[in-house]
Amino acid sequence: PMTMWFSPGFARSRGLDLQCLRKRSAAYTDHDNLFPSVLGLMQVKTALYERERDLFAGCES
């Protein structure tokens, strides 16, 4: 299991739709999603980023 907590200010600064993330929380994920998700969340630009594995992609407003 993975637990994530975001302060309201951080979620707002990243444009995260928390309702969208709650709906997705039951979907299957594994450790392969962690690295791309952190890169996306931290807005790191690199060729290593895989948007299709980013847990937060698509839940940005």
PDB file of N, CA and C in Angstrom:
ATOM      1  N   PRO A   1       0.829  -1.205   0.000  1.00  0.00           N
ATOM      2  CA  PRO A   1       0.000   0.000   0.000  1.00  0.00           C
ATOM      3  C   PRO A   1       0.868   1.262   0.000  1.00  0.00           C
ATOM      4  N   MET A   2       0.318   2.299  -0.586  1.00  0.00           N
ATOM      5  CA  MET A   2       1.012   3.580  -0.628  1.00  0.00           C
ATOM      6  C   MET A   2       0.091   4.644  -0.055  1.00  0.00           C
ATOM      7  N   THR A   3       0.637   5.475   0.793  1.00  0.00           N
ATOM      8  CA  THR A   3      -0.118   6.580   1.364  1.00  0.00           C
ATOM      9  C   THR A   3       0.558   7.880   0.969  1.00  0.00           C
ATOM     10  N   MET A   4      -0.238   8.833   0.532  1.00  0.00           N
ATOM     11  CA  MET A   4       0.291  10.148   0.190  1.00  0.00           C
ATOM     12  C   MET A   4      -0.572  11.197   0.851  1.00  0.00           C
ATOM     13  N   TRP A   5       0.077  12.219   1.329  1.00  0.00           N
ATOM     14  CA  TRP A   5      -0.620  13.343   1.931  1.00  0.00           C
ATOM     15  C   TRP A   5      -0.052  14.609   1.326  1.00  0.00           C
ATOM     16  N   PHE A   6      -0.923  15.524   0.948  1.00  0.00           N
ATOM     17  CA  PHE A   6      -0.504  16.807   0.398  1.00  0.00           C
ATOM     18  C   PHE A   6      -1.151  17.911   1.206  1.00  0.00           C
ATOM     19  N   SER A   7      -0.369  18.906   1.578  1.00  0.00           N
ATOM     20  CA  SER A   7      -0.966  20.065   2.234  1.00  0.00           C
ATOM     21  C   SER A   7      -1.873  20.749   1.209  1.00  0.00           C
ATOM     22  N   PRO A   8      -2.884  21.458   1.675  1.00  0.00           N
ATOM     23  CA  PRO A   8      -3.762  22.159   0.735  1.00  0.00           C
ATOM     24  C   PRO A   8      -2.987  23.113  -0.184  1.00  0.00           C
ATOM     25  N   GLY A   9      -1.986  23.789   0.366  1.00  0.00           N
ATOM     26  CA  GLY A   9      -1.195  24.716  -0.437  1.00  0.00           C
ATOM     27  C   GLY A   9      -0.394  24.016  -1.524  1.00  0.00           C
ATOM     28  N   PHE A  10       0.197  22.862  -1.191  1.00  0.00           N
ATOM     29  CA  PHE A  10       0.969  22.111  -2.181  1.00  0.00           C
ATOM     30  C   PHE A  10       0.050  21.589  -3.278  1.00  0.00           C
ATOM     31  N   ALA A  11      -1.077  21.014  -2.890  1.00  0.00           N
ATOM     32  CA  ALA A  11      -2.028  20.491  -3.878  1.00  0.00           C
ATOM     33  C   ALA A  11      -2.491  21.609  -4.807  1.00  0.00           C
ATOM     34  N   ARG A  12      -2.751  22.768  -4.246  1.00  0.00           N
ATOM     35  CA  ARG A  12      -3.185  23.918  -5.048  1.00  0.00           C
ATOM     36  C   ARG A  12      -2.061  24.379  -5.988  1.00  0.00           C
ATOM     37  N   SER A  13      -0.830  24.426  -5.474  1.00  0.00           N
ATOM     38  CA  SER A  13       0.292  24.896  -6.298  1.00  0.00           C
ATOM     39  C   SER A  13       0.578  23.964  -7.469  1.00  0.00           C
ATOM     40  N   ARG A  14       0.243  22.690  -7.318  1.00  0.00           N
ATOM     41  CA  ARG A  14       0.459  21.715  -8.390  1.00  0.00           C
ATOM     42  C   ARG A  14      -0.802  21.489  -9.218  1.00  0.00           C
ATOM     43  N   GLY A  15      -1.901  22.129  -8.831  1.00  0.00           N
ATOM     44  CA  GLY A  15      -3.147  21.986  -9.574  1.00  0.00           C
ATOM     45  C   GLY A  15      -3.746  20.598  -9.460  1.00  0.00           C
ATOM     46  N   LEU A  16      -3.554  19.937  -8.320  1.00  0.00           N
ATOM     47  CA  LEU A  16      -4.062  18.575  -8.147  1.00  0.00           C
ATOM     48  C   LEU A  16      -5.547  18.573  -7.828  1.00  0.00           C
ATOM     49  N   ASP A  17      -6.287  17.748  -8.521  1.00  0.00           N
ATOM     50  CA  ASP A  17      -7.707  17.539  -8.262  1.00  0.00           C
ATOM     51  C   ASP A  17      -7.807  16.355  -7.302  1.00  0.00           C
ATOM     52  N   LEU A  18      -7.997  16.637  -6.026  1.00  0.00           N
ATOM     53  CA  LEU A  18      -7.981  15.585  -5.008  1.00  0.00           C
ATOM     54  C   LEU A  18      -9.137  14.605  -5.165  1.00  0.00           C
ATOM     55  N   GLN A  19     -10.269  15.062  -5.658  1.00  0.00           N
ATOM     56  CA  GLN A  19     -11.391  14.151  -5.912  1.00  0.00           C
ATOM     57  C   GLN A  19     -11.010  13.136  -6.985  1.00  0.00           C
ATOM     58  N   CYS A  20     -10.354  13.593  -8.020  1.00  0.00           N
ATOM     59  CA  CYS A  20      -9.890  12.707  -9.089  1.00  0.00           C
ATOM     60  C   CYS A  20      -8.921  11.673  -8.520  1.00  0.00           C
ATOM     61  N   LEU A  21      -7.995  12.104  -7.685  1.00  0.00           N
ATOM     62  CA  LEU A  21      -7.030  11.175  -7.085  1.00  0.00           C
ATOM     63  C   LEU A  21      -7.723  10.155  -6.187  1.00  0.00           C
ATOM     64  N   ARG A  22      -8.731  10.591  -5.452  1.00  0.00           N
ATOM     65  CA  ARG A  22      -9.485   9.647  -4.599  1.00  0.00           C
ATOM     66  C   ARG A  22     -10.158   8.573  -5.448  1.00  0.00           C
ATOM     67  N   LYS A  23     -10.732   8.975  -6.570  1.00  0.00           N
ATOM     68  CA  LYS A  23     -11.397   8.012  -7.456  1.00  0.00           C
ATOM     69  C   LYS A  23     -10.403   7.007  -8.020  1.00  0.00           C
ATOM     70  N   ARG A  24      -9.199   7.454  -8.302  1.00  0.00           N
ATOM     71  CA  ARG A  24      -8.175   6.577  -8.871  1.00  0.00           C
ATOM     72  C   ARG A  24      -7.470   5.710  -7.828  1.00  0.00           C
ATOM     73  N   SER A  25      -7.697   5.974  -6.571  1.00  0.00           N
ATOM     74  CA  SER A  25      -6.918   5.318  -5.515  1.00  0.00           C
ATOM     75  C   SER A  25      -7.096   3.803  -5.470  1.00  0.00           C
ATOM     76  N   ALA A  26      -8.165   3.282  -6.006  1.00  0.00           N
ATOM     77  CA  ALA A  26      -8.389   1.833  -5.985  1.00  0.00           C
ATOM     78  C   ALA A  26      -7.729   1.122  -7.168  1.00  0.00           C
ATOM     79  N   ALA A  27      -7.211   1.876  -8.111  1.00  0.00           N
ATOM     80  CA  ALA A  27      -6.592   1.277  -9.301  1.00  0.00           C
ATOM     81  C   ALA A  27      -5.287   0.579  -8.932  1.00  0.00           C
ATOM     82  N   TYR A  28      -4.957  -0.457  -9.684  1.00  0.00           N
ATOM     83  CA  TYR A  28      -3.715  -1.189  -9.452  1.00  0.00           C
ATOM     84  C   TYR A  28      -2.512  -0.317  -9.799  1.00  0.00           C
ATOM     85  N   THR A  29      -1.567  -0.278  -8.906  1.00  0.00           N
ATOM     86  CA  THR A  29      -0.291   0.392  -9.155  1.00  0.00           C
ATOM     87  C   THR A  29       0.811  -0.452  -8.537  1.00  0.00           C
ATOM     88  N   ASP A  30       2.022  -0.200  -8.956  1.00  0.00           N
ATOM     89  CA  ASP A  30       3.153  -0.881  -8.331  1.00  0.00           C
ATOM     90  C   ASP A  30       4.340   0.076  -8.277  1.00  0.00           C
ATOM     91  N   HIS A  31       5.478  -0.438  -7.866  1.00  0.00           N
ATOM     92  CA  HIS A  31       6.645   0.427  -7.682  1.00  0.00           C
ATOM     93  C   HIS A  31       7.094   1.098  -8.977  1.00  0.00           C
ATOM     94  N   ASP A  32       6.700   0.575 -10.116  1.00  0.00           N
ATOM     95  CA  ASP A  32       7.062   1.199 -11.390  1.00  0.00           C
ATOM     96  C   ASP A  32       6.400   2.567 -11.567  1.00  0.00           C
ATOM     97  N   ASN A  33       5.358   2.849 -10.798  1.00  0.00           N
ATOM     98  CA  ASN A  33       4.667   4.133 -10.890  1.00  0.00           C
ATOM     99  C   ASN A  33       5.313   5.212 -10.017  1.00  0.00           C
ATOM    100  N   LEU A  34       6.120   4.810  -9.054  1.00  0.00           N
ATOM    101  CA  LEU A  34       6.643   5.776  -8.084  1.00  0.00           C
ATOM    102  C   LEU A  34       7.557   6.827  -8.723  1.00  0.00           C
ATOM    103  N   PHE A  35       8.583   6.401  -9.432  1.00  0.00           N
ATOM    104  CA  PHE A  35       9.563   7.334  -9.995  1.00  0.00           C
ATOM    105  C   PHE A  35       8.919   8.339 -10.955  1.00  0.00           C
ATOM    106  N   PRO A  36       8.134   7.892 -11.940  1.00  0.00           N
ATOM    107  CA  PRO A  36       7.505   8.875 -12.835  1.00  0.00           C
ATOM    108  C   PRO A  36       6.539   9.809 -12.096  1.00  0.00           C
ATOM    109  N   SER A  37       5.873   9.300 -11.071  1.00  0.00           N
ATOM    110  CA  SER A  37       4.928  10.126 -10.318  1.00  0.00           C
ATOM    111  C   SER A  37       5.648  11.225  -9.551  1.00  0.00           C
ATOM    112  N   VAL A  38       6.773  10.894  -8.939  1.00  0.00           N
ATOM    113  CA  VAL A  38       7.549  11.903  -8.210  1.00  0.00           C
ATOM    114  C   VAL A  38       8.135  12.924  -9.185  1.00  0.00           C
ATOM    115  N   LEU A  39       8.645  12.460 -10.316  1.00  0.00           N
ATOM    116  CA  LEU A  39       9.160  13.399 -11.324  1.00  0.00           C
ATOM    117  C   LEU A  39       8.070  14.369 -11.768  1.00  0.00           C
ATOM    118  N   GLY A  40       6.884  13.845 -12.051  1.00  0.00           N
ATOM    119  CA  GLY A  40       5.786  14.696 -12.484  1.00  0.00           C
ATOM    120  C   GLY A  40       5.344  15.660 -11.404  1.00  0.00           C
ATOM    121  N   LEU A  41       5.237  15.165 -10.196  1.00  0.00           N
ATOM    122  CA  LEU A  41       4.797  15.994  -9.078  1.00  0.00           C
ATOM    123  C   LEU A  41       5.780  17.127  -8.799  1.00  0.00           C
ATOM    124  N   MET A  42       7.065  16.839  -8.946  1.00  0.00           N
ATOM    125  CA  MET A  42       8.099  17.845  -8.705  1.00  0.00           C
ATOM    126  C   MET A  42       8.403  18.680  -9.953  1.00  0.00           C
ATOM    127  N   GLN A  43       7.671  18.395 -11.037  1.00  0.00           N
ATOM    128  CA  GLN A  43       7.797  19.135 -12.296  1.00  0.00           C
ATOM    129  C   GLN A  43       9.216  19.084 -12.868  1.00  0.00           C
ATOM    130  N   VAL A  44       9.839  17.907 -12.745  1.00  0.00           N
ATOM    131  CA  VAL A  44      11.178  17.688 -13.295  1.00  0.00           C
ATOM    132  C   VAL A  44      11.035  17.361 -14.778  1.00  0.00           C
ATOM    133  N   LYS A  45      11.765  18.057 -15.603  1.00  0.00           N
ATOM    134  CA  LYS A  45      11.743  17.819 -17.053  1.00  0.00           C
ATOM    135  C   LYS A  45      12.927  16.928 -17.418  1.00  0.00           C
ATOM    136  N   THR A  46      12.644  15.713 -17.864  1.00  0.00           N
ATOM    137  CA  THR A  46      13.683  14.772 -18.244  1.00  0.00           C
ATOM    138  C   THR A  46      13.119  13.760 -19.236  1.00  0.00           C
ATOM    139  N   ALA A  47      13.983  13.211 -20.047  1.00  0.00           N
ATOM    140  CA  ALA A  47      13.566  12.178 -20.999  1.00  0.00           C
ATOM    141  C   ALA A  47      13.153  10.895 -20.280  1.00  0.00           C
ATOM    142  N   LEU A  48      13.517  10.749 -19.017  1.00  0.00           N
ATOM    143  CA  LEU A  48      13.172   9.551 -18.245  1.00  0.00           C
ATOM    144  C   LEU A  48      11.719   9.545 -17.765  1.00  0.00           C
ATOM    145  N   TYR A  49      11.059  10.698 -17.832  1.00  0.00           N
ATOM    146  CA  TYR A  49       9.676  10.807 -17.357  1.00  0.00           C
ATOM    147  C   TYR A  49       8.735  10.028 -18.273  1.00  0.00           C
ATOM    148  N   GLU A  50       7.875   9.194 -17.668  1.00  0.00           N
ATOM    149  CA  GLU A  50       6.870   8.414 -18.404  1.00  0.00           C
ATOM    150  C   GLU A  50       5.480   8.834 -17.911  1.00  0.00           C
ATOM    151  N   ARG A  51       4.844   9.731 -18.654  1.00  0.00           N
ATOM    152  CA  ARG A  51       3.540  10.260 -18.237  1.00  0.00           C
ATOM    153  C   ARG A  51       2.517   9.147 -18.028  1.00  0.00           C
ATOM    154  N   GLU A  52       2.568   8.092 -18.838  1.00  0.00           N
ATOM    155  CA  GLU A  52       1.586   7.011 -18.713  1.00  0.00           C
ATOM    156  C   GLU A  52       1.714   6.255 -17.385  1.00  0.00           C
ATOM    157  N   ARG A  53       2.830   6.394 -16.695  1.00  0.00           N
ATOM    158  CA  ARG A  53       3.017   5.754 -15.388  1.00  0.00           C
ATOM    159  C   ARG A  53       2.838   6.731 -14.217  1.00  0.00           C
ATOM    160  N   ASP A  54       2.641   7.999 -14.522  1.00  0.00           N
ATOM    161  CA  ASP A  54       2.489   9.037 -13.500  1.00  0.00           C
ATOM    162  C   ASP A  54       1.094   8.937 -12.886  1.00  0.00           C
ATOM    163  N   LEU A  55       1.033   8.651 -11.594  1.00  0.00           N
ATOM    164  CA  LEU A  55      -0.251   8.487 -10.903  1.00  0.00           C
ATOM    165  C   LEU A  55      -1.051   9.788 -10.843  1.00  0.00           C
ATOM    166  N   PHE A  56      -0.388  10.918 -10.975  1.00  0.00           N
ATOM    167  CA  PHE A  56      -1.058  12.211 -10.848  1.00  0.00           C
ATOM    168  C   PHE A  56      -1.457  12.812 -12.191  1.00  0.00           C
ATOM    169  N   ALA A  57      -0.877  12.323 -13.265  1.00  0.00           N
ATOM    170  CA  ALA A  57      -1.206  12.833 -14.598  1.00  0.00           C
ATOM    171  C   ALA A  57      -2.687  12.589 -14.872  1.00  0.00           C
ATOM    172  N   GLY A  58      -3.350  13.583 -15.365  1.00  0.00           N
ATOM    173  CA  GLY A  58      -4.780  13.456 -15.636  1.00  0.00           C
ATOM    174  C   GLY A  58      -5.639  13.925 -14.476  1.00  0.00           C
ATOM    175  N   CYS A  59      -5.032  14.154 -13.329  1.00  0.00           N
ATOM    176  CA  CYS A  59      -5.767  14.690 -12.173  1.00  0.00           C
ATOM    177  C   CYS A  59      -5.258  16.092 -11.837  1.00  0.00           C
ATOM    178  N   GLU A  60      -4.788  16.770 -12.857  1.00  0.00           N
ATOM    179  CA  GLU A  60      -4.322  18.142 -12.694  1.00  0.00           C
ATOM    180  C   GLU A  60      -5.368  19.066 -13.295  1.00  0.00           C
ATOM    181  N   SER A  61      -5.684  20.097 -12.553  1.00  0.00           N
ATOM    182  CA  SER A  61      -6.699  21.030 -13.071  1.00  0.00           C
ATOM    183  C   SER A  61      -6.052  22.220 -13.724  1.00  0.00           C
TER     184      SER A  61
END
